[in-house]
Amino acid sequence: MKNRHPLLDRQVELEISGKVAPIRGKLIEFGQDILVIHNGTQFLYIPLIHLQQLRASTREEEVIFEVPEMPFEPYNEPISYRKILMNAKGMFSEIYITGNQSIHGYLTTVMNDFFVFYSPVYHTVIISLHHLKYLIPYNPNVTPYTLTPEQFPLKPSPLTLARTFDQQLRKLIGEFVVLDLGENSNKIGVLKSVDQSMIELATASGNAVILHFDHVKTVHIP
């Protein structure tokens, strides 16, 4: 029998990396490496690695709502980050990684330390498992931007996938890539090399920019 978290089924506030405003909702699950919040309309699956603070809400008496059945749950097994990702494959979802925007689309593949997400905006995006801040699954009858399956077919990745994020980046040497969704112009360019923990990009001006591998959150080819 799993230990019950003292804040389970209570209204909570939590702060996560990269988000200025706290997330509020009812704590539904608390696993070994992931927790689940329901905010009144959506379930948020939040990896614990990005949890900075978790506390009982000071506004608990003001927030009363019914929590629907969870969209997926590893029955009779402890909840875990990897199991949630596996269950989310093929389900229209919203994910938050970095900056001030979310990505909407479908999780297609889960590898050792990254997963592949297919989006109408960015197409195939490779995302480090260490940098996903939260995942929100949508109802089965909801599609991105109300696109029909003909307008937005779920395509297999055109990339040959490696087992690890490091190996995947090495496969893209010589390609024009966008890192971290292009939030910074210095993260857009030709991938020149991956040397241990350092990545070299040639930017629009032709200048070399060196980035640390651990801080690369996403990569996609526009």
N, C-alpha and C. Protein backbone atom coordinates (compact mmCIF):
# COMPACT_ATOMS: atom_id res chain seq x y z
N MET A 1 0.85 -1.20 0.00
CA MET A 1 0.00 0.00 0.00
C MET A 1 0.88 1.24 0.00
N LYS A 2 0.60 2.17 -0.90
CA LYS A 2 1.46 3.35 -1.02
C LYS A 2 1.19 4.32 0.12
N ASN A 3 2.23 5.05 0.51
CA ASN A 3 2.07 6.05 1.55
C ASN A 3 1.23 7.21 1.02
N ARG A 4 0.35 7.70 1.84
CA ARG A 4 -0.53 8.79 1.44
C ARG A 4 0.14 10.12 1.74
N HIS A 5 0.24 10.97 0.74
CA HIS A 5 0.83 12.28 0.94
C HIS A 5 -0.11 13.13 1.80
N PRO A 6 0.42 13.87 2.76
CA PRO A 6 -0.45 14.64 3.67
C PRO A 6 -1.32 15.68 2.98
N LEU A 7 -0.95 16.12 1.76
CA LEU A 7 -1.74 17.12 1.06
C LEU A 7 -2.64 16.52 -0.02
N LEU A 8 -2.66 15.20 -0.11
CA LEU A 8 -3.48 14.54 -1.12
C LEU A 8 -4.95 14.89 -0.94
N ASP A 9 -5.63 15.18 -2.05
CA ASP A 9 -7.05 15.55 -2.08
C ASP A 9 -7.32 16.92 -1.47
N ARG A 10 -6.27 17.69 -1.27
CA ARG A 10 -6.46 19.05 -0.76
C ARG A 10 -6.10 20.06 -1.84
N GLN A 11 -6.62 21.27 -1.69
CA GLN A 11 -6.25 22.36 -2.60
C GLN A 11 -4.85 22.84 -2.24
N VAL A 12 -3.99 22.92 -3.26
CA VAL A 12 -2.60 23.27 -3.02
C VAL A 12 -2.16 24.37 -3.98
N GLU A 13 -1.03 24.95 -3.66
CA GLU A 13 -0.33 25.87 -4.55
C GLU A 13 1.07 25.30 -4.74
N LEU A 14 1.57 25.34 -5.96
CA LEU A 14 2.94 24.89 -6.16
C LEU A 14 3.66 25.80 -7.13
N GLU A 15 4.94 25.89 -6.93
CA GLU A 15 5.80 26.67 -7.80
C GLU A 15 6.74 25.72 -8.52
N ILE A 16 6.87 25.92 -9.84
CA ILE A 16 7.76 25.08 -10.63
C ILE A 16 8.75 25.95 -11.38
N SER A 17 9.84 25.34 -11.79
CA SER A 17 10.88 26.05 -12.52
C SER A 17 10.32 26.68 -13.78
N GLY A 18 10.66 27.94 -14.02
CA GLY A 18 10.28 28.60 -15.25
C GLY A 18 8.93 29.27 -15.26
N LYS A 19 8.12 29.02 -14.24
CA LYS A 19 6.79 29.63 -14.16
C LYS A 19 6.79 30.67 -13.05
N VAL A 20 6.39 31.90 -13.40
CA VAL A 20 6.36 32.97 -12.40
C VAL A 20 5.17 32.79 -11.46
N ALA A 21 3.99 32.55 -12.03
CA ALA A 21 2.78 32.41 -11.21
C ALA A 21 2.68 31.00 -10.67
N PRO A 22 2.22 30.83 -9.44
CA PRO A 22 2.03 29.48 -8.90
C PRO A 22 0.90 28.75 -9.61
N ILE A 23 0.96 27.44 -9.59
CA ILE A 23 -0.11 26.59 -10.12
C ILE A 23 -0.99 26.20 -8.95
N ARG A 24 -2.30 26.31 -9.13
CA ARG A 24 -3.25 26.00 -8.05
C ARG A 24 -4.20 24.90 -8.49
N GLY A 25 -4.58 24.05 -7.57
CA GLY A 25 -5.54 23.00 -7.86
C GLY A 25 -5.55 21.96 -6.76
N LYS A 26 -6.27 20.88 -7.01
CA LYS A 26 -6.36 19.79 -6.04
C LYS A 26 -5.28 18.76 -6.35
N LEU A 27 -4.55 18.36 -5.32
CA LEU A 27 -3.51 17.35 -5.48
C LEU A 27 -4.18 15.98 -5.58
N ILE A 28 -4.06 15.35 -6.75
CA ILE A 28 -4.75 14.09 -7.03
C ILE A 28 -3.85 12.89 -6.79
N GLU A 29 -2.60 12.99 -7.22
CA GLU A 29 -1.64 11.89 -7.08
C GLU A 29 -0.28 12.48 -6.75
N PHE A 30 0.50 11.71 -5.97
CA PHE A 30 1.88 12.10 -5.67
C PHE A 30 2.73 10.85 -5.75
N GLY A 31 3.48 10.71 -6.86
CA GLY A 31 4.28 9.52 -7.08
C GLY A 31 5.74 9.73 -6.78
N GLN A 32 6.55 8.76 -7.19
CA GLN A 32 7.98 8.82 -6.88
C GLN A 32 8.70 9.92 -7.64
N ASP A 33 8.19 10.27 -8.84
CA ASP A 33 8.87 11.30 -9.63
C ASP A 33 7.90 12.20 -10.37
N ILE A 34 6.62 12.14 -10.04
CA ILE A 34 5.63 12.98 -10.72
C ILE A 34 4.43 13.18 -9.80
N LEU A 35 3.77 14.33 -9.95
CA LEU A 35 2.53 14.56 -9.22
C LEU A 35 1.46 14.99 -10.20
N VAL A 36 0.20 14.90 -9.77
CA VAL A 36 -0.93 15.26 -10.62
C VAL A 36 -1.81 16.26 -9.88
N ILE A 37 -2.10 17.37 -10.58
CA ILE A 37 -2.96 18.43 -10.06
C ILE A 37 -4.19 18.53 -10.97
N HIS A 38 -5.36 18.77 -10.37
CA HIS A 38 -6.52 19.14 -11.18
C HIS A 38 -6.89 20.56 -10.82
N ASN A 39 -6.92 21.44 -11.84
CA ASN A 39 -7.13 22.87 -11.58
C ASN A 39 -8.58 23.32 -11.74
N GLY A 40 -9.49 22.36 -11.82
CA GLY A 40 -10.89 22.69 -12.01
C GLY A 40 -11.38 22.40 -13.41
N THR A 41 -10.44 22.41 -14.37
CA THR A 41 -10.79 22.10 -15.76
C THR A 41 -9.85 21.08 -16.39
N GLN A 42 -8.61 21.00 -15.92
CA GLN A 42 -7.62 20.14 -16.56
C GLN A 42 -6.77 19.41 -15.52
N PHE A 43 -6.23 18.26 -15.94
CA PHE A 43 -5.21 17.57 -15.16
C PHE A 43 -3.83 18.03 -15.61
N LEU A 44 -2.97 18.36 -14.67
CA LEU A 44 -1.59 18.71 -14.97
C LEU A 44 -0.67 17.66 -14.36
N TYR A 45 0.15 17.05 -15.20
CA TYR A 45 1.13 16.06 -14.76
C TYR A 45 2.48 16.76 -14.68
N ILE A 46 3.03 16.85 -13.47
CA ILE A 46 4.20 17.70 -13.23
C ILE A 46 5.34 16.86 -12.67
N PRO A 47 6.45 16.70 -13.41
CA PRO A 47 7.61 15.98 -12.89
C PRO A 47 8.17 16.66 -11.64
N LEU A 48 8.50 15.86 -10.64
CA LEU A 48 8.95 16.42 -9.36
C LEU A 48 10.29 17.14 -9.47
N ILE A 49 11.07 16.83 -10.51
CA ILE A 49 12.38 17.47 -10.64
C ILE A 49 12.26 18.98 -10.74
N HIS A 50 11.09 19.48 -11.20
CA HIS A 50 10.91 20.93 -11.35
C HIS A 50 10.07 21.55 -10.23
N LEU A 51 9.71 20.75 -9.25
CA LEU A 51 8.93 21.27 -8.14
C LEU A 51 9.84 22.06 -7.20
N GLN A 52 9.52 23.34 -7.00
CA GLN A 52 10.30 24.16 -6.08
C GLN A 52 9.63 24.30 -4.73
N GLN A 53 8.31 24.45 -4.75
CA GLN A 53 7.56 24.54 -3.49
C GLN A 53 6.19 23.92 -3.68
N LEU A 54 5.70 23.26 -2.62
CA LEU A 54 4.34 22.73 -2.60
C LEU A 54 3.76 23.06 -1.23
N ARG A 55 2.58 23.68 -1.22
CA ARG A 55 1.99 24.09 0.06
C ARG A 55 0.47 24.05 -0.05
N ALA A 56 -0.17 23.93 1.11
CA ALA A 56 -1.63 23.99 1.14
C ALA A 56 -2.08 25.37 0.71
N SER A 57 -3.16 25.42 -0.06
CA SER A 57 -3.65 26.70 -0.55
C SER A 57 -4.27 27.50 0.58
N THR A 58 -4.02 28.79 0.55
CA THR A 58 -4.64 29.68 1.54
C THR A 58 -6.06 30.04 1.12
N ARG A 59 -6.45 29.62 -0.11
CA ARG A 59 -7.77 29.94 -0.62
C ARG A 59 -8.63 28.68 -0.74
N GLU A 60 -8.31 27.68 0.06
CA GLU A 60 -8.95 26.37 -0.09
C GLU A 60 -10.46 26.45 0.01
N GLU A 61 -10.97 27.27 0.93
CA GLU A 61 -12.40 27.32 1.12
C GLU A 61 -13.14 27.95 -0.05
N GLU A 62 -12.42 28.65 -0.94
CA GLU A 62 -13.06 29.32 -2.07
C GLU A 62 -13.15 28.44 -3.31
N VAL A 63 -12.42 27.31 -3.32
CA VAL A 63 -12.33 26.50 -4.52
C VAL A 63 -12.96 25.14 -4.26
N ILE A 64 -14.14 24.92 -4.82
CA ILE A 64 -14.82 23.64 -4.68
C ILE A 64 -15.25 23.17 -6.06
N PHE A 65 -14.79 22.02 -6.48
CA PHE A 65 -15.19 21.48 -7.78
C PHE A 65 -15.06 19.97 -7.77
N GLU A 66 -15.80 19.34 -8.66
CA GLU A 66 -15.76 17.90 -8.82
C GLU A 66 -14.61 17.54 -9.75
N VAL A 67 -13.85 16.52 -9.37
CA VAL A 67 -12.73 16.06 -10.21
C VAL A 67 -13.20 14.87 -11.02
N PRO A 68 -13.12 14.95 -12.36
CA PRO A 68 -13.55 13.82 -13.19
C PRO A 68 -12.55 12.66 -13.11
N GLU A 69 -12.87 11.59 -13.78
CA GLU A 69 -11.96 10.45 -13.85
C GLU A 69 -10.71 10.85 -14.62
N MET A 70 -9.57 10.39 -14.13
CA MET A 70 -8.31 10.73 -14.79
C MET A 70 -8.25 10.11 -16.19
N PRO A 71 -7.64 10.83 -17.15
CA PRO A 71 -7.62 10.33 -18.53
C PRO A 71 -6.81 9.06 -18.70
N PHE A 72 -5.78 8.89 -17.91
CA PHE A 72 -5.06 7.62 -17.91
C PHE A 72 -4.42 7.43 -16.54
N GLU A 73 -4.34 6.19 -16.16
CA GLU A 73 -3.84 5.87 -14.83
C GLU A 73 -3.26 4.46 -14.87
N PRO A 74 -2.02 4.26 -14.47
CA PRO A 74 -1.46 2.91 -14.41
C PRO A 74 -2.07 2.12 -13.25
N TYR A 75 -3.21 1.50 -13.51
CA TYR A 75 -3.96 0.83 -12.46
C TYR A 75 -3.12 -0.22 -11.74
N ASN A 76 -3.30 -0.25 -10.42
CA ASN A 76 -2.63 -1.22 -9.55
C ASN A 76 -1.11 -1.08 -9.54
N GLU A 77 -0.62 0.01 -10.09
CA GLU A 77 0.82 0.27 -10.08
C GLU A 77 1.06 1.70 -9.62
N PRO A 78 2.20 1.95 -8.98
CA PRO A 78 2.50 3.34 -8.59
C PRO A 78 2.63 4.23 -9.82
N ILE A 79 2.17 5.44 -9.70
CA ILE A 79 2.27 6.40 -10.81
C ILE A 79 3.74 6.78 -10.99
N SER A 80 4.16 6.93 -12.25
CA SER A 80 5.54 7.34 -12.52
C SER A 80 5.57 8.18 -13.79
N TYR A 81 6.60 8.99 -13.91
CA TYR A 81 6.79 9.89 -15.05
C TYR A 81 6.79 9.11 -16.36
N ARG A 82 7.62 8.06 -16.44
CA ARG A 82 7.73 7.30 -17.69
C ARG A 82 6.41 6.62 -18.05
N LYS A 83 5.72 6.06 -17.07
CA LYS A 83 4.44 5.40 -17.36
C LYS A 83 3.41 6.40 -17.88
N ILE A 84 3.42 7.59 -17.31
CA ILE A 84 2.48 8.62 -17.78
C ILE A 84 2.78 8.99 -19.23
N LEU A 85 4.06 9.15 -19.56
CA LEU A 85 4.42 9.48 -20.94
C LEU A 85 4.00 8.36 -21.89
N MET A 86 4.21 7.12 -21.49
CA MET A 86 3.82 6.00 -22.34
C MET A 86 2.31 5.99 -22.55
N ASN A 87 1.55 6.28 -21.50
CA ASN A 87 0.09 6.31 -21.61
C ASN A 87 -0.40 7.49 -22.44
N ALA A 88 0.39 8.56 -22.51
CA ALA A 88 -0.01 9.77 -23.23
C ALA A 88 0.26 9.68 -24.73
N LYS A 89 0.96 8.64 -25.18
CA LYS A 89 1.29 8.52 -26.60
C LYS A 89 0.01 8.50 -27.44
N GLY A 90 0.00 9.35 -28.46
CA GLY A 90 -1.13 9.40 -29.38
C GLY A 90 -2.31 10.21 -28.89
N MET A 91 -2.21 10.79 -27.68
CA MET A 91 -3.30 11.59 -27.12
C MET A 91 -2.98 13.08 -27.30
N PHE A 92 -3.92 13.84 -27.82
CA PHE A 92 -3.70 15.28 -27.96
C PHE A 92 -3.41 15.89 -26.60
N SER A 93 -2.29 16.58 -26.49
CA SER A 93 -1.84 17.11 -25.20
C SER A 93 -1.22 18.49 -25.38
N GLU A 94 -1.13 19.16 -24.26
CA GLU A 94 -0.40 20.42 -24.17
C GLU A 94 0.79 20.19 -23.27
N ILE A 95 1.95 20.66 -23.69
CA ILE A 95 3.13 20.54 -22.84
C ILE A 95 3.78 21.91 -22.69
N TYR A 96 4.40 22.10 -21.53
CA TYR A 96 5.12 23.34 -21.28
C TYR A 96 6.57 23.00 -21.02
N ILE A 97 7.45 23.67 -21.75
CA ILE A 97 8.88 23.41 -21.64
C ILE A 97 9.64 24.65 -21.16
N THR A 98 9.44 25.75 -21.89
CA THR A 98 10.26 26.92 -21.63
C THR A 98 9.57 28.18 -22.14
N GLY A 99 10.02 29.32 -21.71
CA GLY A 99 9.50 30.59 -22.20
C GLY A 99 8.08 30.86 -21.73
N ASN A 100 7.31 31.53 -22.57
CA ASN A 100 5.96 31.92 -22.17
C ASN A 100 4.89 31.25 -23.03
N GLN A 101 5.24 30.12 -23.67
CA GLN A 101 4.26 29.46 -24.51
C GLN A 101 4.29 27.95 -24.30
N SER A 102 3.14 27.33 -24.56
CA SER A 102 3.03 25.88 -24.52
C SER A 102 3.04 25.35 -25.94
N ILE A 103 3.26 24.05 -26.07
CA ILE A 103 3.18 23.37 -27.36
C ILE A 103 1.98 22.44 -27.33
N HIS A 104 1.22 22.42 -28.40
CA HIS A 104 0.07 21.54 -28.52
C HIS A 104 0.31 20.53 -29.62
N GLY A 105 -0.03 19.28 -29.36
CA GLY A 105 0.16 18.25 -30.37
C GLY A 105 0.07 16.87 -29.76
N TYR A 106 0.88 15.95 -30.28
CA TYR A 106 0.81 14.55 -29.88
C TYR A 106 2.19 14.03 -29.52
N LEU A 107 2.27 13.33 -28.41
CA LEU A 107 3.49 12.63 -28.04
C LEU A 107 3.52 11.33 -28.84
N THR A 108 4.60 11.09 -29.58
CA THR A 108 4.63 9.93 -30.47
C THR A 108 5.58 8.82 -30.01
N THR A 109 6.71 9.19 -29.40
CA THR A 109 7.73 8.18 -29.06
C THR A 109 8.42 8.57 -27.76
N VAL A 110 8.72 7.58 -26.92
CA VAL A 110 9.47 7.81 -25.69
C VAL A 110 10.75 6.99 -25.75
N MET A 111 11.88 7.67 -25.67
CA MET A 111 13.18 6.99 -25.68
C MET A 111 13.79 7.04 -24.27
N ASN A 112 15.09 6.75 -24.16
CA ASN A 112 15.69 6.64 -22.83
C ASN A 112 15.58 7.92 -22.02
N ASP A 113 15.99 9.06 -22.61
CA ASP A 113 15.98 10.31 -21.84
C ASP A 113 15.39 11.47 -22.65
N PHE A 114 14.61 11.14 -23.67
CA PHE A 114 13.89 12.18 -24.42
C PHE A 114 12.62 11.57 -25.00
N PHE A 115 11.73 12.45 -25.44
CA PHE A 115 10.55 11.97 -26.16
C PHE A 115 10.34 12.84 -27.39
N VAL A 116 9.52 12.34 -28.30
CA VAL A 116 9.24 13.03 -29.56
C VAL A 116 7.81 13.52 -29.52
N PHE A 117 7.63 14.79 -29.87
CA PHE A 117 6.32 15.43 -29.85
C PHE A 117 6.04 16.01 -31.22
N TYR A 118 4.85 15.72 -31.76
CA TYR A 118 4.50 16.20 -33.09
C TYR A 118 3.48 17.32 -32.98
N SER A 119 3.81 18.49 -33.50
CA SER A 119 3.02 19.70 -33.34
C SER A 119 2.67 20.31 -34.69
N PRO A 120 1.46 20.89 -34.83
CA PRO A 120 1.13 21.59 -36.08
C PRO A 120 2.05 22.77 -36.35
N VAL A 121 2.57 23.37 -35.29
CA VAL A 121 3.41 24.57 -35.44
C VAL A 121 4.87 24.21 -35.68
N TYR A 122 5.41 23.32 -34.85
CA TYR A 122 6.84 23.02 -34.89
C TYR A 122 7.17 21.70 -35.58
N HIS A 123 6.15 20.93 -35.91
CA HIS A 123 6.31 19.58 -36.48
C HIS A 123 7.03 18.68 -35.48
N THR A 124 8.06 17.98 -35.88
CA THR A 124 8.69 17.02 -34.97
C THR A 124 9.65 17.73 -34.03
N VAL A 125 9.36 17.63 -32.73
CA VAL A 125 10.20 18.27 -31.71
C VAL A 125 10.75 17.19 -30.79
N ILE A 126 12.05 17.21 -30.57
CA ILE A 126 12.71 16.28 -29.66
C ILE A 126 12.92 17.00 -28.33
N ILE A 127 12.42 16.40 -27.26
CA ILE A 127 12.36 17.09 -25.96
C ILE A 127 13.05 16.25 -24.89
N SER A 128 13.98 16.85 -24.20
CA SER A 128 14.67 16.17 -23.10
C SER A 128 13.69 15.88 -21.97
N LEU A 129 13.73 14.66 -21.44
CA LEU A 129 12.88 14.30 -20.30
C LEU A 129 13.16 15.18 -19.09
N HIS A 130 14.36 15.72 -19.01
CA HIS A 130 14.74 16.52 -17.84
C HIS A 130 14.12 17.91 -17.86
N HIS A 131 13.51 18.32 -18.98
CA HIS A 131 13.06 19.70 -19.09
C HIS A 131 11.56 19.87 -19.28
N LEU A 132 10.80 18.78 -19.31
CA LEU A 132 9.34 18.92 -19.35
C LEU A 132 8.85 19.45 -18.02
N LYS A 133 8.12 20.58 -18.03
CA LYS A 133 7.62 21.17 -16.78
C LYS A 133 6.24 20.61 -16.42
N TYR A 134 5.36 20.46 -17.44
CA TYR A 134 4.10 19.76 -17.19
C TYR A 134 3.48 19.29 -18.50
N LEU A 135 2.58 18.33 -18.36
CA LEU A 135 1.82 17.80 -19.49
C LEU A 135 0.34 17.84 -19.14
N ILE A 136 -0.48 18.32 -20.08
CA ILE A 136 -1.93 18.38 -19.89
C ILE A 136 -2.59 17.58 -21.01
N PRO A 137 -3.17 16.42 -20.71
CA PRO A 137 -3.89 15.68 -21.75
C PRO A 137 -5.28 16.28 -21.98
N TYR A 138 -5.70 16.29 -23.23
CA TYR A 138 -7.02 16.83 -23.58
C TYR A 138 -8.02 15.69 -23.79
N ASN A 139 -9.29 16.03 -23.83
CA ASN A 139 -10.33 15.04 -24.08
C ASN A 139 -10.12 14.41 -25.46
N PRO A 140 -10.51 13.15 -25.61
CA PRO A 140 -10.28 12.45 -26.89
C PRO A 140 -10.94 13.12 -28.09
N ASN A 141 -12.03 13.87 -27.87
CA ASN A 141 -12.72 14.49 -29.00
C ASN A 141 -12.18 15.88 -29.35
N VAL A 142 -11.12 16.30 -28.68
CA VAL A 142 -10.51 17.61 -28.95
C VAL A 142 -9.28 17.41 -29.83
N THR A 143 -9.12 18.28 -30.82
CA THR A 143 -7.95 18.22 -31.70
C THR A 143 -7.26 19.58 -31.71
N PRO A 144 -5.96 19.63 -32.05
CA PRO A 144 -5.24 20.91 -32.05
C PRO A 144 -5.88 21.90 -33.01
N TYR A 145 -6.23 23.07 -32.49
CA TYR A 145 -6.75 24.16 -33.31
C TYR A 145 -7.98 23.76 -34.13
N THR A 146 -8.71 22.75 -33.65
CA THR A 146 -9.88 22.15 -34.32
C THR A 146 -9.54 21.62 -35.72
N LEU A 147 -8.29 21.28 -35.95
CA LEU A 147 -7.89 20.73 -37.24
C LEU A 147 -8.46 19.32 -37.40
N THR A 148 -8.85 18.98 -38.61
CA THR A 148 -9.32 17.63 -38.91
C THR A 148 -8.12 16.70 -39.07
N PRO A 149 -8.33 15.38 -38.96
CA PRO A 149 -7.21 14.45 -39.20
C PRO A 149 -6.59 14.62 -40.57
N GLU A 150 -7.39 15.06 -41.56
CA GLU A 150 -6.83 15.29 -42.89
C GLU A 150 -5.93 16.52 -42.91
N GLN A 151 -6.32 17.54 -42.14
CA GLN A 151 -5.51 18.76 -42.08
C GLN A 151 -4.24 18.57 -41.25
N PHE A 152 -4.35 17.73 -40.23
CA PHE A 152 -3.20 17.49 -39.35
C PHE A 152 -3.06 16.00 -39.08
N PRO A 153 -2.56 15.25 -40.05
CA PRO A 153 -2.38 13.81 -39.84
C PRO A 153 -1.22 13.55 -38.89
N LEU A 154 -1.38 12.56 -38.04
CA LEU A 154 -0.32 12.20 -37.11
C LEU A 154 0.72 11.38 -37.86
N LYS A 155 1.86 12.00 -38.14
CA LYS A 155 2.88 11.37 -38.97
C LYS A 155 3.99 10.78 -38.11
N PRO A 156 4.58 9.68 -38.56
CA PRO A 156 5.77 9.19 -37.86
C PRO A 156 6.92 10.16 -38.05
N SER A 157 7.85 10.15 -37.10
CA SER A 157 8.98 11.07 -37.18
C SER A 157 9.82 10.77 -38.41
N PRO A 158 10.19 11.82 -39.17
CA PRO A 158 11.08 11.60 -40.33
C PRO A 158 12.52 11.33 -39.90
N LEU A 159 12.81 11.53 -38.62
CA LEU A 159 14.17 11.35 -38.12
C LEU A 159 14.43 9.90 -37.73
N THR A 160 15.68 9.48 -37.94
CA THR A 160 16.11 8.20 -37.39
C THR A 160 16.47 8.44 -35.93
N LEU A 161 15.75 7.78 -35.04
CA LEU A 161 15.90 8.09 -33.62
C LEU A 161 17.02 7.28 -32.97
N ALA A 162 17.76 7.94 -32.08
CA ALA A 162 18.77 7.30 -31.27
C ALA A 162 18.17 7.00 -29.89
N ARG A 163 18.90 6.30 -29.07
CA ARG A 163 18.39 5.94 -27.75
C ARG A 163 18.44 7.10 -26.76
N THR A 164 19.46 7.96 -26.89
CA THR A 164 19.64 9.03 -25.92
C THR A 164 19.63 10.39 -26.61
N PHE A 165 19.38 11.42 -25.81
CA PHE A 165 19.33 12.80 -26.32
C PHE A 165 20.69 13.21 -26.88
N ASP A 166 21.76 12.81 -26.21
CA ASP A 166 23.11 13.12 -26.67
C ASP A 166 23.36 12.50 -28.04
N GLN A 167 23.02 11.22 -28.19
CA GLN A 167 23.22 10.54 -29.47
C GLN A 167 22.35 11.16 -30.57
N GLN A 168 21.14 11.59 -30.18
CA GLN A 168 20.24 12.20 -31.16
C GLN A 168 20.81 13.50 -31.70
N LEU A 169 21.37 14.32 -30.81
CA LEU A 169 21.99 15.57 -31.25
C LEU A 169 23.16 15.30 -32.19
N ARG A 170 23.92 14.26 -31.88
CA ARG A 170 25.06 13.93 -32.75
C ARG A 170 24.60 13.54 -34.15
N LYS A 171 23.44 12.91 -34.23
CA LYS A 171 22.89 12.54 -35.54
C LYS A 171 22.52 13.77 -36.38
N LEU A 172 22.31 14.91 -35.68
CA LEU A 172 21.87 16.12 -36.37
C LEU A 172 23.02 17.07 -36.71
N ILE A 173 24.25 16.65 -36.46
CA ILE A 173 25.40 17.50 -36.81
C ILE A 173 25.38 17.77 -38.32
N GLY A 174 25.53 19.05 -38.68
CA GLY A 174 25.47 19.47 -40.07
C GLY A 174 24.10 19.95 -40.50
N GLU A 175 23.08 19.75 -39.65
CA GLU A 175 21.72 20.16 -39.97
C GLU A 175 21.43 21.56 -39.42
N PHE A 176 20.49 22.24 -40.08
CA PHE A 176 19.99 23.51 -39.56
C PHE A 176 18.94 23.19 -38.51
N VAL A 177 19.17 23.62 -37.27
CA VAL A 177 18.29 23.24 -36.17
C VAL A 177 17.83 24.47 -35.39
N VAL A 178 16.75 24.28 -34.66
CA VAL A 178 16.24 25.29 -33.73
C VAL A 178 16.25 24.66 -32.34
N LEU A 179 16.94 25.29 -31.41
CA LEU A 179 16.99 24.80 -30.04
C LEU A 179 16.04 25.63 -29.16
N ASP A 180 15.42 24.98 -28.21
CA ASP A 180 14.55 25.65 -27.22
C ASP A 180 13.48 26.51 -27.89
N LEU A 181 12.92 25.97 -28.97
CA LEU A 181 11.82 26.61 -29.71
C LEU A 181 12.19 27.97 -30.29
N GLY A 182 13.50 28.26 -30.40
CA GLY A 182 13.94 29.51 -31.00
C GLY A 182 13.71 30.72 -30.14
N GLU A 183 13.65 30.52 -28.81
CA GLU A 183 13.40 31.65 -27.90
C GLU A 183 14.52 32.68 -27.95
N ASN A 184 15.66 32.29 -28.44
CA ASN A 184 16.81 33.18 -28.53
C ASN A 184 17.45 32.96 -29.90
N SER A 185 17.75 34.04 -30.60
CA SER A 185 18.31 33.92 -31.95
C SER A 185 19.64 33.18 -31.97
N ASN A 186 20.35 33.18 -30.85
CA ASN A 186 21.62 32.46 -30.78
C ASN A 186 21.43 30.95 -30.63
N LYS A 187 20.17 30.51 -30.56
CA LYS A 187 19.89 29.08 -30.48
C LYS A 187 19.31 28.55 -31.78
N ILE A 188 19.53 29.30 -32.85
CA ILE A 188 19.07 28.90 -34.19
C ILE A 188 20.29 28.90 -35.11
N GLY A 189 20.54 27.79 -35.79
CA GLY A 189 21.67 27.75 -36.70
C GLY A 189 22.05 26.34 -37.09
N VAL A 190 23.20 26.21 -37.71
CA VAL A 190 23.70 24.90 -38.13
C VAL A 190 24.46 24.28 -36.96
N LEU A 191 24.09 23.04 -36.64
CA LEU A 191 24.76 22.32 -35.55
C LEU A 191 26.11 21.83 -36.06
N LYS A 192 27.17 22.39 -35.50
CA LYS A 192 28.51 22.10 -35.98
C LYS A 192 29.16 20.91 -35.27
N SER A 193 28.96 20.85 -33.95
CA SER A 193 29.62 19.76 -33.22
C SER A 193 28.96 19.55 -31.87
N VAL A 194 29.12 18.33 -31.36
CA VAL A 194 28.73 17.99 -29.98
C VAL A 194 29.96 17.35 -29.36
N ASP A 195 30.63 18.08 -28.49
CA ASP A 195 31.88 17.61 -27.91
C ASP A 195 31.71 17.51 -26.41
N GLN A 196 31.55 16.28 -25.93
CA GLN A 196 31.28 16.02 -24.51
C GLN A 196 30.05 16.82 -24.09
N SER A 197 30.21 17.82 -23.26
CA SER A 197 29.04 18.55 -22.77
C SER A 197 28.81 19.87 -23.50
N MET A 198 29.56 20.13 -24.55
CA MET A 198 29.45 21.39 -25.27
C MET A 198 28.92 21.19 -26.69
N ILE A 199 28.05 22.13 -27.10
CA ILE A 199 27.45 22.10 -28.43
C ILE A 199 27.83 23.39 -29.14
N GLU A 200 28.23 23.26 -30.40
CA GLU A 200 28.59 24.45 -31.18
C GLU A 200 27.57 24.65 -32.29
N LEU A 201 27.03 25.88 -32.36
CA LEU A 201 26.12 26.28 -33.42
C LEU A 201 26.77 27.39 -34.24
N ALA A 202 26.49 27.39 -35.54
CA ALA A 202 26.84 28.54 -36.38
C ALA A 202 25.56 29.33 -36.59
N THR A 203 25.50 30.56 -36.10
CA THR A 203 24.29 31.37 -36.16
C THR A 203 24.15 32.07 -37.51
N ALA A 204 23.12 32.88 -37.66
CA ALA A 204 22.83 33.54 -38.94
C ALA A 204 24.01 34.37 -39.43
N SER A 205 24.75 34.98 -38.51
CA SER A 205 25.89 35.81 -38.89
C SER A 205 27.13 35.00 -39.23
N GLY A 206 27.06 33.69 -38.95
CA GLY A 206 28.22 32.84 -39.18
C GLY A 206 29.09 32.68 -37.96
N ASN A 207 28.77 33.42 -36.90
CA ASN A 207 29.55 33.31 -35.68
C ASN A 207 29.25 32.00 -34.95
N ALA A 208 30.24 31.50 -34.23
CA ALA A 208 30.08 30.28 -33.45
C ALA A 208 29.51 30.62 -32.07
N VAL A 209 28.53 29.86 -31.64
CA VAL A 209 27.97 29.98 -30.29
C VAL A 209 28.11 28.63 -29.61
N ILE A 210 28.66 28.64 -28.40
CA ILE A 210 28.85 27.41 -27.64
C ILE A 210 27.79 27.33 -26.55
N LEU A 211 27.10 26.21 -26.47
CA LEU A 211 26.04 25.99 -25.49
C LEU A 211 26.36 24.74 -24.68
N HIS A 212 25.94 24.73 -23.41
CA HIS A 212 26.12 23.55 -22.59
C HIS A 212 24.98 22.57 -22.85
N PHE A 213 25.32 21.33 -23.06
CA PHE A 213 24.34 20.30 -23.41
C PHE A 213 23.20 20.21 -22.39
N ASP A 214 23.50 20.34 -21.12
CA ASP A 214 22.48 20.16 -20.08
C ASP A 214 21.39 21.21 -20.14
N HIS A 215 21.65 22.33 -20.81
CA HIS A 215 20.66 23.41 -20.87
C HIS A 215 19.86 23.41 -22.18
N VAL A 216 20.10 22.44 -23.02
CA VAL A 216 19.32 22.32 -24.25
C VAL A 216 18.05 21.53 -23.92
N LYS A 217 16.92 22.19 -24.09
CA LYS A 217 15.64 21.59 -23.70
C LYS A 217 14.97 20.87 -24.85
N THR A 218 14.95 21.52 -26.02
CA THR A 218 14.30 20.93 -27.19
C THR A 218 15.14 21.19 -28.43
N VAL A 219 14.90 20.37 -29.45
CA VAL A 219 15.53 20.59 -30.75
C VAL A 219 14.53 20.18 -31.83
N HIS A 220 14.41 21.00 -32.85
CA HIS A 220 13.62 20.61 -34.01
C HIS A 220 14.22 21.19 -35.28
N ILE A 221 13.89 20.57 -36.40
CA ILE A 221 14.35 21.02 -37.70
C ILE A 221 13.19 21.74 -38.37
N PRO A 222 13.30 23.03 -38.64
CA PRO A 222 12.16 23.77 -39.22
C PRO A 222 11.88 23.34 -40.66
